[in-house]
Amino acid sequence: MRAQVVRELGGIESLRLVEVESPDVPAGHIKIEVEAVGLNFPDLLMIQGLYQFKPDLPFSPGAEACGRIIDVGDGVTDLVVGDRVMAVNLAGAMAEHFVAPEYNTFRIPDNLTADRAAALSMTYGTTYHALVDRSHLAEGETLLVTGASGGVGSAAIQIGKALGAQVIAGVSTDAKAEVAASLGADETVNYESGSLKDQVKELTGGKGADVIYEPVGGDVFLQTLRCIAWEGRILVVGFASGEIPSAPMNLPLLKGCSIVGVFWGGFARRNPVKNRANFAQILTWAADGTIDPHISATYPFEEAKTALTQPANRTATGKVVLLL
C-alpha cells in the first residue's frame, strides 16, 4: 500500500510517499481502506517530534480517517467488514490502510460524505466532550470561543449553538470573523485589534463569558482570565500559538472560576461507553444538518505536503482534508 511516511523528524518536507506493507490488525482493532484523511495541528507537531505522543520511526502521521472496514481483529463485536466508518488513532491515517481501536471507530450515516466524515471525529469529539462533559454548558449561557475559525473552534461554534448557548467567536483577523459568523456565531471579536476583555465585557453587559473554549494558549489564554464570568469555566483545549501559558492564580481566585483541562483522547480510552454515546449525538446532528464541518480545502493524497502548509501557516479555516 502507499503511505506518507516520516523516517526522520523535521518539517513537512520530511514526508515521503512510499510503498509499505499493510499494517497488522491487533485484537480490539479494525482496519479500513481509507477514502479521506482529516488533518490536524497535532500532525505537524508529531512530524517535528514536538507532540506529547512520539511514535517510533518510521511512522505515518494522521489521526483520523474515513473509509470501509476491510479487516477486524479478535474481540471486535460491534463492527464488521464492509461497514462505512470514521476512525481515530494516534497516528497512521496518512496511508491507504489505517488501523484504529474499535472504541474510536463509528459507523457513519449514508448521507455523510467521506470528506465531512474525516473532518468530524477529532474536532467534534473533543468539543462535545469539552462543552458537555467538562463544562456542562447550559442553554442560555454565554460561550466564548477563541481560535474560532479553526478546526476545533469552528466545531465549538456549531455545538455551542446546538446546545442553546449565546456564542461569541474570538478571532485574529476580520476575514476569520466572517468565517465564524457564517458558522453561526452570534457575535465576533478580533483580539488582535482590540482588548479581548473589553470587547467581551461590552457584549455581555459587564458580566463576562460563562464558558470559554480556549485552544490557542499564550497571551490569548491570559486575556480570557480577565473576561470570564463569576464561577465561569475556562476549557484548556490546546496551545496552537506554540506557547503554554502560566496563569497568575490570583485571577481564578478573584473570579471564583475553574480552569478545566480537556483531554479527549484520554477520556475516550477510559470511558468508551460514554464516548460512543457522545458520537451517537454528534452523528445524529451531522445527519440532520445541525452541524456541518467547515472544510476550507481538499487535496489529493499525493499532495500531503502542500495540504499541511495551510495549518502550518495558520491560513486554514476549519479543516483541510486529503482525498484518496
C-alpha atoms as a PDB file:
ATOM      1  CA  MET A   1       0.000   0.000   0.000  1.00  0.00           C
ATOM      2  CA  ARG A   2       1.026   3.644  -0.365  1.00  0.00           C
ATOM      3  CA  ALA A   3       1.692   5.744   2.702  1.00  0.00           C
ATOM      4  CA  GLN A   4       3.034   9.165   3.621  1.00  0.00           C
ATOM      5  CA  VAL A   5       5.947   8.256   5.888  1.00  0.00           C
ATOM      6  CA  VAL A   6       8.255  10.158   8.236  1.00  0.00           C
ATOM      7  CA  ARG A   7      11.644   8.454   8.536  1.00  0.00           C
ATOM      8  CA  GLU A   8      13.355  11.298  10.405  1.00  0.00           C
ATOM      9  CA  LEU A   9      11.831  14.107  12.429  1.00  0.00           C
ATOM     10  CA  GLY A  10      11.742  17.569  10.912  1.00  0.00           C
ATOM     11  CA  GLY A  11       9.457  19.812   8.933  1.00  0.00           C
ATOM     12  CA  ILE A  12       6.774  18.978   6.411  1.00  0.00           C
ATOM     13  CA  GLU A  13       9.482  18.272   3.853  1.00  0.00           C
ATOM     14  CA  SER A  14      10.415  15.108   5.770  1.00  0.00           C
ATOM     15  CA  LEU A  15       7.246  13.385   4.470  1.00  0.00           C
ATOM     16  CA  ARG A  16       7.837  10.757   1.770  1.00  0.00           C
ATOM     17  CA  LEU A  17       5.209   8.929  -0.299  1.00  0.00           C
ATOM     18  CA  VAL A  18       6.389   5.300  -0.359  1.00  0.00           C
ATOM     19  CA  GLU A  19       5.180   1.707  -0.688  1.00  0.00           C
ATOM     20  CA  VAL A  20       4.942  -0.157   2.645  1.00  0.00           C
ATOM     21  CA  GLU A  21       3.339  -3.322   3.973  1.00  0.00           C
ATOM     22  CA  SER A  22      -0.290  -3.095   5.066  1.00  0.00           C
ATOM     23  CA  PRO A  23      -0.409  -2.979   8.893  1.00  0.00           C
ATOM     24  CA  ASP A  24      -1.458  -5.936  11.042  1.00  0.00           C
ATOM     25  CA  VAL A  25      -4.719  -5.714  12.976  1.00  0.00           C
ATOM     26  CA  PRO A  26      -4.307  -6.222  16.741  1.00  0.00           C
ATOM     27  CA  ALA A  27      -7.083  -7.549  18.949  1.00  0.00           C
ATOM     28  CA  GLY A  28      -9.816  -4.978  19.535  1.00  0.00           C
ATOM     29  CA  HIS A  29      -8.930  -3.038  16.374  1.00  0.00           C
ATOM     30  CA  ILE A  30     -10.225  -2.669  12.819  1.00  0.00           C
ATOM     31  CA  LYS A  31      -8.534  -1.857   9.501  1.00  0.00           C
ATOM     32  CA  ILE A  32     -10.120   0.418   6.920  1.00  0.00           C
ATOM     33  CA  GLU A  33      -9.432   1.199   3.292  1.00  0.00           C
ATOM     34  CA  VAL A  34      -9.044   4.950   3.542  1.00  0.00           C
ATOM     35  CA  GLU A  35     -11.173   7.338   1.482  1.00  0.00           C
ATOM     36  CA  ALA A  36     -10.329  10.635   3.210  1.00  0.00           C
ATOM     37  CA  VAL A  37      -7.978  11.901   5.936  1.00  0.00           C
ATOM     38  CA  GLY A  38      -8.625  14.868   8.217  1.00  0.00           C
ATOM     39  CA  LEU A  39      -5.548  16.967   9.006  1.00  0.00           C
ATOM     40  CA  ASN A  40      -4.973  18.475  12.439  1.00  0.00           C
ATOM     41  CA  PHE A  41      -2.392  20.773  14.031  1.00  0.00           C
ATOM     42  CA  PRO A  42      -1.011  17.915  16.200  1.00  0.00           C
ATOM     43  CA  ASP A  43       0.029  16.135  12.971  1.00  0.00           C
ATOM     44  CA  LEU A  44       2.567  18.915  12.404  1.00  0.00           C
ATOM     45  CA  LEU A  45       3.831  18.676  15.968  1.00  0.00           C
ATOM     46  CA  MET A  46       4.237  14.907  15.649  1.00  0.00           C
ATOM     47  CA  ILE A  47       6.250  15.241  12.432  1.00  0.00           C
ATOM     48  CA  GLN A  48       8.593  17.604  14.297  1.00  0.00           C
ATOM     49  CA  GLY A  49       8.794  15.403  17.396  1.00  0.00           C
ATOM     50  CA  LEU A  50       7.096  18.106  19.489  1.00  0.00           C
ATOM     51  CA  TYR A  51       3.851  16.281  20.338  1.00  0.00           C
ATOM     52  CA  GLN A  52       3.352  14.527  23.690  1.00  0.00           C
ATOM     53  CA  PHE A  53       2.919  11.224  21.824  1.00  0.00           C
ATOM     54  CA  LYS A  54       6.073  10.267  19.937  1.00  0.00           C
ATOM     55  CA  PRO A  55       5.663   7.205  17.702  1.00  0.00           C
ATOM     56  CA  ASP A  56       8.669   5.101  16.782  1.00  0.00           C
ATOM     57  CA  LEU A  57      10.268   5.946  13.456  1.00  0.00           C
ATOM     58  CA  PRO A  58       9.318   5.377  10.708  1.00  0.00           C
ATOM     59  CA  PHE A  59       5.615   6.252  11.006  1.00  0.00           C
ATOM     60  CA  SER A  60       2.717   7.679   9.035  1.00  0.00           C
ATOM     61  CA  PRO A  61       1.160  10.786  10.624  1.00  0.00           C
ATOM     62  CA  GLY A  62      -2.553  11.482  10.663  1.00  0.00           C
ATOM     63  CA  ALA A  63      -5.041  10.636  13.382  1.00  0.00           C
ATOM     64  CA  GLU A  64      -8.461  10.482  11.672  1.00  0.00           C
ATOM     65  CA  ALA A  65      -9.847   8.981   8.513  1.00  0.00           C
ATOM     66  CA  CYS A  66     -12.993   7.719   6.837  1.00  0.00           C
ATOM     67  CA  GLY A  67     -13.347   4.509   4.835  1.00  0.00           C
ATOM     68  CA  ARG A  68     -14.730   0.959   4.730  1.00  0.00           C
ATOM     69  CA  ILE A  69     -13.619  -1.790   7.090  1.00  0.00           C
ATOM     70  CA  ILE A  70     -11.549  -4.452   5.336  1.00  0.00           C
ATOM     71  CA  ASP A  71     -10.439  -6.477   8.388  1.00  0.00           C
ATOM     72  CA  VAL A  72     -11.252  -6.827  12.090  1.00  0.00           C
ATOM     73  CA  GLY A  73      -9.124  -8.089  14.974  1.00  0.00           C
ATOM     74  CA  ASP A  74     -10.027 -10.628  17.625  1.00  0.00           C
ATOM     75  CA  GLY A  75     -12.625  -9.411  20.099  1.00  0.00           C
ATOM     76  CA  VAL A  76     -14.278  -6.859  17.820  1.00  0.00           C
ATOM     77  CA  THR A  77     -18.003  -7.307  18.396  1.00  0.00           C
ATOM     78  CA  ASP A  78     -19.943  -4.329  17.023  1.00  0.00           C
ATOM     79  CA  LEU A  79     -18.281  -3.699  13.653  1.00  0.00           C
ATOM     80  CA  VAL A  80     -17.931  -5.929  10.587  1.00  0.00           C
ATOM     81  CA  VAL A  81     -16.086  -5.955   7.270  1.00  0.00           C
ATOM     82  CA  GLY A  82     -17.862  -3.641   4.843  1.00  0.00           C
ATOM     83  CA  ASP A  83     -19.062  -1.105   7.416  1.00  0.00           C
ATOM     84  CA  ARG A  84     -18.522   2.507   6.351  1.00  0.00           C
ATOM     85  CA  VAL A  85     -16.892   4.255   9.309  1.00  0.00           C
ATOM     86  CA  MET A  86     -14.835   7.147  10.591  1.00  0.00           C
ATOM     87  CA  ALA A  87     -11.929   6.140  12.814  1.00  0.00           C
ATOM     88  CA  VAL A  88      -9.354   7.729  15.107  1.00  0.00           C
ATOM     89  CA  ASN A  89      -5.937   6.583  16.287  1.00  0.00           C
ATOM     90  CA  LEU A  90      -2.817   8.412  17.405  1.00  0.00           C
ATOM     91  CA  ALA A  91      -1.110   8.043  14.021  1.00  0.00           C
ATOM     92  CA  GLY A  92      -1.206   6.085  10.784  1.00  0.00           C
ATOM     93  CA  ALA A  93      -4.086   7.713   8.885  1.00  0.00           C
ATOM     94  CA  MET A  94      -1.995   9.080   6.002  1.00  0.00           C
ATOM     95  CA  ALA A  95      -1.981   5.710   4.275  1.00  0.00           C
ATOM     96  CA  GLU A  96      -4.217   3.609   2.073  1.00  0.00           C
ATOM     97  CA  HIS A  97      -4.929   1.323   5.054  1.00  0.00           C
ATOM     98  CA  PHE A  98      -5.483   2.617   8.610  1.00  0.00           C
ATOM     99  CA  VAL A  99      -5.782   0.646  11.846  1.00  0.00           C
ATOM    100  CA  ALA A 100      -7.793   2.065  14.755  1.00  0.00           C
ATOM    101  CA  PRO A 101      -9.307   0.764  18.008  1.00  0.00           C
ATOM    102  CA  GLU A 102     -12.938  -0.331  17.918  1.00  0.00           C
ATOM    103  CA  TYR A 103     -13.839   2.126  20.698  1.00  0.00           C
ATOM    104  CA  ASN A 104     -12.822   5.035  18.447  1.00  0.00           C
ATOM    105  CA  THR A 105     -14.460   3.758  15.252  1.00  0.00           C
ATOM    106  CA  PHE A 106     -18.013   4.772  14.377  1.00  0.00           C
ATOM    107  CA  ARG A 107     -20.455   3.809  11.638  1.00  0.00           C
ATOM    108  CA  ILE A 108     -21.486   6.870   9.681  1.00  0.00           C
ATOM    109  CA  PRO A 109     -24.828   7.829   8.088  1.00  0.00           C
ATOM    110  CA  ASP A 110     -25.291   7.188   4.376  1.00  0.00           C
ATOM    111  CA  ASN A 111     -25.683  10.916   3.668  1.00  0.00           C
ATOM    112  CA  LEU A 112     -22.332  11.827   5.263  1.00  0.00           C
ATOM    113  CA  THR A 113     -19.655  12.254   2.588  1.00  0.00           C
ATOM    114  CA  ALA A 114     -16.137  10.933   3.135  1.00  0.00           C
ATOM    115  CA  ASP A 115     -14.537  14.378   3.411  1.00  0.00           C
ATOM    116  CA  ARG A 116     -17.067  15.541   6.028  1.00  0.00           C
ATOM    117  CA  ALA A 117     -16.764  12.303   8.000  1.00  0.00           C
ATOM    118  CA  ALA A 118     -12.972  12.588   8.050  1.00  0.00           C
ATOM    119  CA  ALA A 119     -13.315  16.143   9.395  1.00  0.00           C
ATOM    120  CA  LEU A 120     -15.680  15.216  12.239  1.00  0.00           C
ATOM    121  CA  SER A 121     -14.062  12.856  14.666  1.00  0.00           C
ATOM    122  CA  MET A 122     -11.229  14.628  16.459  1.00  0.00           C
ATOM    123  CA  THR A 123     -12.565  18.178  16.450  1.00  0.00           C
ATOM    124  CA  TYR A 124     -16.189  17.381  17.225  1.00  0.00           C
ATOM    125  CA  GLY A 125     -15.309  14.561  19.642  1.00  0.00           C
ATOM    126  CA  THR A 126     -13.005  16.902  21.559  1.00  0.00           C
ATOM    127  CA  THR A 127     -15.509  19.744  21.524  1.00  0.00           C
ATOM    128  CA  TYR A 128     -18.579  17.760  22.573  1.00  0.00           C
ATOM    129  CA  HIS A 129     -16.595  16.252  25.456  1.00  0.00           C
ATOM    130  CA  ALA A 130     -15.378  19.724  26.449  1.00  0.00           C
ATOM    131  CA  LEU A 131     -18.700  21.530  26.329  1.00  0.00           C
ATOM    132  CA  VAL A 132     -20.946  18.744  27.656  1.00  0.00           C
ATOM    133  CA  ASP A 133     -18.809  16.572  29.946  1.00  0.00           C
ATOM    134  CA  ARG A 134     -16.251  19.061  31.225  1.00  0.00           C
ATOM    135  CA  SER A 135     -18.002  22.445  31.388  1.00  0.00           C
ATOM    136  CA  HIS A 136     -21.678  21.371  31.441  1.00  0.00           C
ATOM    137  CA  LEU A 137     -22.570  24.265  29.150  1.00  0.00           C
ATOM    138  CA  ALA A 138     -26.212  25.162  29.765  1.00  0.00           C
ATOM    139  CA  GLU A 139     -28.830  26.640  27.464  1.00  0.00           C
ATOM    140  CA  GLY A 140     -28.744  30.420  27.640  1.00  0.00           C
ATOM    141  CA  GLU A 141     -25.145  30.665  28.864  1.00  0.00           C
ATOM    142  CA  THR A 142     -22.555  32.713  27.003  1.00  0.00           C
ATOM    143  CA  LEU A 143     -19.766  30.750  25.324  1.00  0.00           C
ATOM    144  CA  LEU A 144     -16.588  32.492  24.143  1.00  0.00           C
ATOM    145  CA  VAL A 145     -14.600  30.504  21.578  1.00  0.00           C
ATOM    146  CA  THR A 146     -11.027  31.569  20.826  1.00  0.00           C
ATOM    147  CA  GLY A 147      -9.349  30.474  17.595  1.00  0.00           C
ATOM    148  CA  ALA A 148     -12.946  30.293  16.436  1.00  0.00           C
ATOM    149  CA  SER A 149     -12.314  29.830  12.705  1.00  0.00           C
ATOM    150  CA  GLY A 150     -10.007  26.825  13.172  1.00  0.00           C
ATOM    151  CA  GLY A 151     -10.877  23.138  13.320  1.00  0.00           C
ATOM    152  CA  VAL A 152     -11.896  22.797  16.973  1.00  0.00           C
ATOM    153  CA  GLY A 153     -13.028  26.418  17.156  1.00  0.00           C
ATOM    154  CA  SER A 154     -15.485  26.049  14.279  1.00  0.00           C
ATOM    155  CA  ALA A 155     -16.791  22.850  15.889  1.00  0.00           C
ATOM    156  CA  ALA A 156     -17.273  24.724  19.172  1.00  0.00           C
ATOM    157  CA  ILE A 157     -19.390  27.399  17.475  1.00  0.00           C
ATOM    158  CA  GLN A 158     -21.708  24.793  15.973  1.00  0.00           C
ATOM    159  CA  ILE A 159     -22.006  22.589  19.058  1.00  0.00           C
ATOM    160  CA  GLY A 160     -22.400  25.629  21.301  1.00  0.00           C
ATOM    161  CA  LYS A 161     -25.337  26.786  19.188  1.00  0.00           C
ATOM    162  CA  ALA A 162     -26.834  23.276  19.150  1.00  0.00           C
ATOM    163  CA  LEU A 163     -26.721  23.326  22.971  1.00  0.00           C
ATOM    164  CA  GLY A 164     -28.539  26.664  23.106  1.00  0.00           C
ATOM    165  CA  ALA A 165     -25.639  28.941  24.072  1.00  0.00           C
ATOM    166  CA  GLN A 166     -25.034  32.525  23.016  1.00  0.00           C
ATOM    167  CA  VAL A 167     -21.722  32.212  21.122  1.00  0.00           C
ATOM    168  CA  ILE A 168     -19.024  34.886  20.878  1.00  0.00           C
ATOM    169  CA  ALA A 169     -16.271  33.997  18.393  1.00  0.00           C
ATOM    170  CA  GLY A 170     -12.774  35.273  19.142  1.00  0.00           C
ATOM    171  CA  VAL A 171     -10.517  35.516  16.086  1.00  0.00           C
ATOM    172  CA  SER A 172      -7.302  37.183  14.958  1.00  0.00           C
ATOM    173  CA  THR A 173      -8.421  38.721  11.625  1.00  0.00           C
ATOM    174  CA  ASP A 174     -11.531  40.267  10.140  1.00  0.00           C
ATOM    175  CA  ALA A 175     -11.597  37.583   7.434  1.00  0.00           C
ATOM    176  CA  LYS A 176     -11.724  34.878  10.104  1.00  0.00           C
ATOM    177  CA  ALA A 177     -14.513  36.807  11.828  1.00  0.00           C
ATOM    178  CA  GLU A 178     -16.562  36.472   8.639  1.00  0.00           C
ATOM    179  CA  VAL A 179     -15.993  32.709   8.639  1.00  0.00           C
ATOM    180  CA  ALA A 180     -17.032  32.453  12.298  1.00  0.00           C
ATOM    181  CA  ALA A 181     -20.187  34.453  11.653  1.00  0.00           C
ATOM    182  CA  SER A 182     -21.073  32.208   8.709  1.00  0.00           C
ATOM    183  CA  LEU A 183     -20.826  29.196  11.040  1.00  0.00           C
ATOM    184  CA  GLY A 184     -23.427  30.657  13.373  1.00  0.00           C
ATOM    185  CA  ALA A 185     -21.566  32.812  15.908  1.00  0.00           C
ATOM    186  CA  ASP A 186     -23.855  35.446  17.417  1.00  0.00           C
ATOM    187  CA  GLU A 187     -21.020  37.954  17.859  1.00  0.00           C
ATOM    188  CA  THR A 188     -17.371  38.178  16.843  1.00  0.00           C
ATOM    189  CA  VAL A 189     -14.380  39.898  18.455  1.00  0.00           C
ATOM    190  CA  ASN A 190     -10.923  40.446  16.994  1.00  0.00           C
ATOM    191  CA  TYR A 191      -8.392  40.090  19.827  1.00  0.00           C
ATOM    192  CA  GLU A 192      -5.550  41.331  17.623  1.00  0.00           C
ATOM    193  CA  SER A 193      -7.171  44.707  17.011  1.00  0.00           C
ATOM    194  CA  GLY A 194      -8.536  45.437  20.497  1.00  0.00           C
ATOM    195  CA  SER A 195      -8.783  44.279  24.081  1.00  0.00           C
ATOM    196  CA  LEU A 196     -10.470  40.875  24.352  1.00  0.00           C
ATOM    197  CA  LYS A 197     -11.553  41.675  27.900  1.00  0.00           C
ATOM    198  CA  ASP A 198     -13.152  44.992  26.953  1.00  0.00           C
ATOM    199  CA  GLN A 199     -14.942  43.599  23.897  1.00  0.00           C
ATOM    200  CA  VAL A 200     -16.358  40.574  25.730  1.00  0.00           C
ATOM    201  CA  LYS A 201     -17.384  42.638  28.748  1.00  0.00           C
ATOM    202  CA  GLU A 202     -19.180  45.078  26.464  1.00  0.00           C
ATOM    203  CA  LEU A 203     -21.051  42.276  24.686  1.00  0.00           C
ATOM    204  CA  THR A 204     -22.085  40.662  27.988  1.00  0.00           C
ATOM    205  CA  GLY A 205     -23.137  43.764  29.876  1.00  0.00           C
ATOM    206  CA  GLY A 206     -20.044  43.604  32.067  1.00  0.00           C
ATOM    207  CA  LYS A 207     -20.626  40.011  33.201  1.00  0.00           C
ATOM    208  CA  GLY A 208     -18.093  38.141  31.051  1.00  0.00           C
ATOM    209  CA  ALA A 209     -18.406  34.716  29.396  1.00  0.00           C
ATOM    210  CA  ASP A 210     -19.782  31.774  31.366  1.00  0.00           C
ATOM    211  CA  VAL A 211     -17.679  29.248  29.462  1.00  0.00           C
ATOM    212  CA  ILE A 212     -14.520  29.915  27.441  1.00  0.00           C
ATOM    213  CA  TYR A 213     -13.296  27.331  24.933  1.00  0.00           C
ATOM    214  CA  GLU A 214      -9.581  28.014  24.589  1.00  0.00           C
ATOM    215  CA  PRO A 215      -7.374  26.141  22.064  1.00  0.00           C
ATOM    216  CA  VAL A 216      -4.848  28.940  21.438  1.00  0.00           C
ATOM    217  CA  GLY A 217      -2.781  29.310  24.622  1.00  0.00           C
ATOM    218  CA  GLY A 218      -0.165  32.002  25.181  1.00  0.00           C
ATOM    219  CA  ASP A 219      -1.367  35.555  25.700  1.00  0.00           C
ATOM    220  CA  VAL A 220      -4.865  34.745  24.450  1.00  0.00           C
ATOM    221  CA  PHE A 221      -5.388  32.376  27.379  1.00  0.00           C
ATOM    222  CA  LEU A 222      -4.185  35.033  29.810  1.00  0.00           C
ATOM    223  CA  GLN A 223      -6.674  37.501  28.285  1.00  0.00           C
ATOM    224  CA  THR A 224      -9.533  35.039  28.813  1.00  0.00           C
ATOM    225  CA  LEU A 225      -8.846  35.040  32.562  1.00  0.00           C
ATOM    226  CA  ARG A 226      -9.857  38.701  32.566  1.00  0.00           C
ATOM    227  CA  CYS A 227     -13.193  38.242  30.774  1.00  0.00           C
ATOM    228  CA  ILE A 228     -14.549  35.132  32.499  1.00  0.00           C
ATOM    229  CA  ALA A 229     -17.789  35.445  34.449  1.00  0.00           C
ATOM    230  CA  TRP A 230     -18.100  34.701  38.160  1.00  0.00           C
ATOM    231  CA  GLU A 231     -17.993  30.897  38.574  1.00  0.00           C
ATOM    232  CA  GLY A 232     -17.180  30.555  34.875  1.00  0.00           C
ATOM    233  CA  ARG A 233     -15.251  27.673  33.317  1.00  0.00           C
ATOM    234  CA  ILE A 234     -12.191  28.079  31.080  1.00  0.00           C
ATOM    235  CA  LEU A 235     -11.594  24.975  28.973  1.00  0.00           C
ATOM    236  CA  VAL A 236      -7.915  24.313  28.212  1.00  0.00           C
ATOM    237  CA  VAL A 237      -8.098  22.593  24.822  1.00  0.00           C
ATOM    238  CA  GLY A 238      -4.626  23.177  23.340  1.00  0.00           C
ATOM    239  CA  PHE A 239      -1.797  25.551  22.531  1.00  0.00           C
ATOM    240  CA  ALA A 240      -1.974  26.373  18.828  1.00  0.00           C
ATOM    241  CA  SER A 241       0.098  29.521  19.462  1.00  0.00           C
ATOM    242  CA  GLY A 242       3.005  27.294  20.476  1.00  0.00           C
ATOM    243  CA  GLU A 243       3.174  28.853  23.934  1.00  0.00           C
ATOM    244  CA  ILE A 244       1.958  27.068  27.066  1.00  0.00           C
ATOM    245  CA  PRO A 245       0.901  29.854  29.458  1.00  0.00           C
ATOM    246  CA  SER A 246       1.371  30.117  33.210  1.00  0.00           C
ATOM    247  CA  ALA A 247      -1.721  31.540  34.860  1.00  0.00           C
ATOM    248  CA  PRO A 248      -1.497  34.160  37.644  1.00  0.00           C
ATOM    249  CA  MET A 249      -3.527  32.209  40.170  1.00  0.00           C
ATOM    250  CA  ASN A 250      -4.945  35.276  41.904  1.00  0.00           C
ATOM    251  CA  LEU A 251      -7.280  35.699  38.914  1.00  0.00           C
ATOM    252  CA  PRO A 252      -9.111  32.342  39.259  1.00  0.00           C
ATOM    253  CA  LEU A 253      -9.355  33.119  42.978  1.00  0.00           C
ATOM    254  CA  LEU A 254     -10.905  36.539  42.436  1.00  0.00           C
ATOM    255  CA  LYS A 255     -13.215  35.294  39.672  1.00  0.00           C
ATOM    256  CA  GLY A 256     -14.296  32.155  41.520  1.00  0.00           C
ATOM    257  CA  CYS A 257     -13.734  30.419  38.196  1.00  0.00           C
ATOM    258  CA  SER A 258     -12.479  26.981  37.175  1.00  0.00           C
ATOM    259  CA  ILE A 259      -9.654  26.153  34.768  1.00  0.00           C
ATOM    260  CA  VAL A 260     -10.701  22.806  33.277  1.00  0.00           C
ATOM    261  CA  GLY A 261      -8.410  20.501  31.291  1.00  0.00           C
ATOM    262  CA  VAL A 262      -9.769  18.782  28.189  1.00  0.00           C
ATOM    263  CA  PHE A 263      -8.004  15.585  27.034  1.00  0.00           C
ATOM    264  CA  TRP A 264     -10.469  13.822  24.777  1.00  0.00           C
ATOM    265  CA  GLY A 265      -8.068  11.010  23.827  1.00  0.00           C
ATOM    266  CA  GLY A 266      -7.627  10.017  27.468  1.00  0.00           C
ATOM    267  CA  PHE A 267     -11.377  10.253  28.078  1.00  0.00           C
ATOM    268  CA  ALA A 268     -12.176   8.036  25.074  1.00  0.00           C
ATOM    269  CA  ARG A 269      -9.801   5.315  26.286  1.00  0.00           C
ATOM    270  CA  ARG A 270     -11.045   5.434  29.877  1.00  0.00           C
ATOM    271  CA  ASN A 271     -14.767   5.762  29.136  1.00  0.00           C
ATOM    272  CA  PRO A 272     -15.510   4.192  25.738  1.00  0.00           C
ATOM    273  CA  VAL A 273     -19.219   3.726  26.510  1.00  0.00           C
ATOM    274  CA  LYS A 274     -19.752   7.447  27.184  1.00  0.00           C
ATOM    275  CA  ASN A 275     -17.550   8.328  24.191  1.00  0.00           C
ATOM    276  CA  ARG A 276     -19.754   6.193  21.930  1.00  0.00           C
ATOM    277  CA  ALA A 277     -22.866   7.875  23.335  1.00  0.00           C
ATOM    278  CA  ASN A 278     -21.307  11.280  22.605  1.00  0.00           C
ATOM    279  CA  PHE A 279     -20.709  10.280  18.995  1.00  0.00           C
ATOM    280  CA  ALA A 280     -24.239   8.987  18.623  1.00  0.00           C
ATOM    281  CA  GLN A 281     -25.385  12.569  19.240  1.00  0.00           C
ATOM    282  CA  ILE A 282     -22.664  14.072  17.030  1.00  0.00           C
ATOM    283  CA  LEU A 283     -23.601  11.795  14.129  1.00  0.00           C
ATOM    284  CA  THR A 284     -27.321  12.483  14.605  1.00  0.00           C
ATOM    285  CA  TRP A 285     -26.588  16.201  14.334  1.00  0.00           C
ATOM    286  CA  ALA A 286     -24.363  15.604  11.280  1.00  0.00           C
ATOM    287  CA  ALA A 287     -27.081  13.570   9.569  1.00  0.00           C
ATOM    288  CA  ASP A 288     -29.793  16.198  10.089  1.00  0.00           C
ATOM    289  CA  GLY A 289     -27.576  19.203   9.285  1.00  0.00           C
ATOM    290  CA  THR A 290     -27.407  20.680  12.795  1.00  0.00           C
ATOM    291  CA  ILE A 291     -23.611  20.542  12.470  1.00  0.00           C
ATOM    292  CA  ASP A 292     -21.591  20.547   9.279  1.00  0.00           C
ATOM    293  CA  PRO A 293     -17.770  20.567   9.301  1.00  0.00           C
ATOM    294  CA  HIS A 294     -16.280  23.632   7.648  1.00  0.00           C
ATOM    295  CA  ILE A 295     -13.702  22.354   5.137  1.00  0.00           C
ATOM    296  CA  SER A 296     -11.525  25.087   3.708  1.00  0.00           C
ATOM    297  CA  ALA A 297      -9.616  22.900   1.243  1.00  0.00           C
ATOM    298  CA  THR A 298      -9.244  19.347  -0.042  1.00  0.00           C
ATOM    299  CA  TYR A 299      -6.117  17.897  -1.663  1.00  0.00           C
ATOM    300  CA  PRO A 300      -5.201  14.644  -3.385  1.00  0.00           C
ATOM    301  CA  PHE A 301      -3.386  12.199  -1.112  1.00  0.00           C
ATOM    302  CA  GLU A 302      -0.205  12.719  -3.139  1.00  0.00           C
ATOM    303  CA  GLU A 303      -0.168  16.421  -2.168  1.00  0.00           C
ATOM    304  CA  ALA A 304       0.001  15.933   1.612  1.00  0.00           C
ATOM    305  CA  LYS A 305       2.982  18.278   1.966  1.00  0.00           C
ATOM    306  CA  THR A 306       1.130  21.115   0.253  1.00  0.00           C
ATOM    307  CA  ALA A 307      -2.003  20.426   2.304  1.00  0.00           C
ATOM    308  CA  LEU A 308      -0.073  20.606   5.581  1.00  0.00           C
ATOM    309  CA  THR A 309       1.285  24.055   4.766  1.00  0.00           C
ATOM    310  CA  GLN A 310      -2.174  25.507   5.481  1.00  0.00           C
ATOM    311  CA  PRO A 311      -2.359  24.540   9.166  1.00  0.00           C
ATOM    312  CA  ALA A 312       1.387  25.183   9.444  1.00  0.00           C
ATOM    313  CA  ASN A 313       0.975  28.773   8.222  1.00  0.00           C
ATOM    314  CA  ARG A 314      -2.323  29.191  10.113  1.00  0.00           C
ATOM    315  CA  THR A 315      -4.057  30.102   6.871  1.00  0.00           C
ATOM    316  CA  ALA A 316      -6.630  27.300   7.086  1.00  0.00           C
ATOM    317  CA  THR A 317     -10.117  27.877   8.395  1.00  0.00           C
ATOM    318  CA  GLY A 318     -11.980  24.827   9.635  1.00  0.00           C
ATOM    319  CA  LYS A 319     -10.396  21.646   8.322  1.00  0.00           C
ATOM    320  CA  VAL A 320      -8.096  20.576   5.496  1.00  0.00           C
ATOM    321  CA  VAL A 321      -8.760  17.099   4.104  1.00  0.00           C
ATOM    322  CA  LEU A 322      -6.785  14.645   1.949  1.00  0.00           C
ATOM    323  CA  LEU A 323      -8.749  12.548  -0.552  1.00  0.00           C
ATOM    324  CA  LEU A 324      -7.670   9.092  -1.759  1.00  0.00           C
END
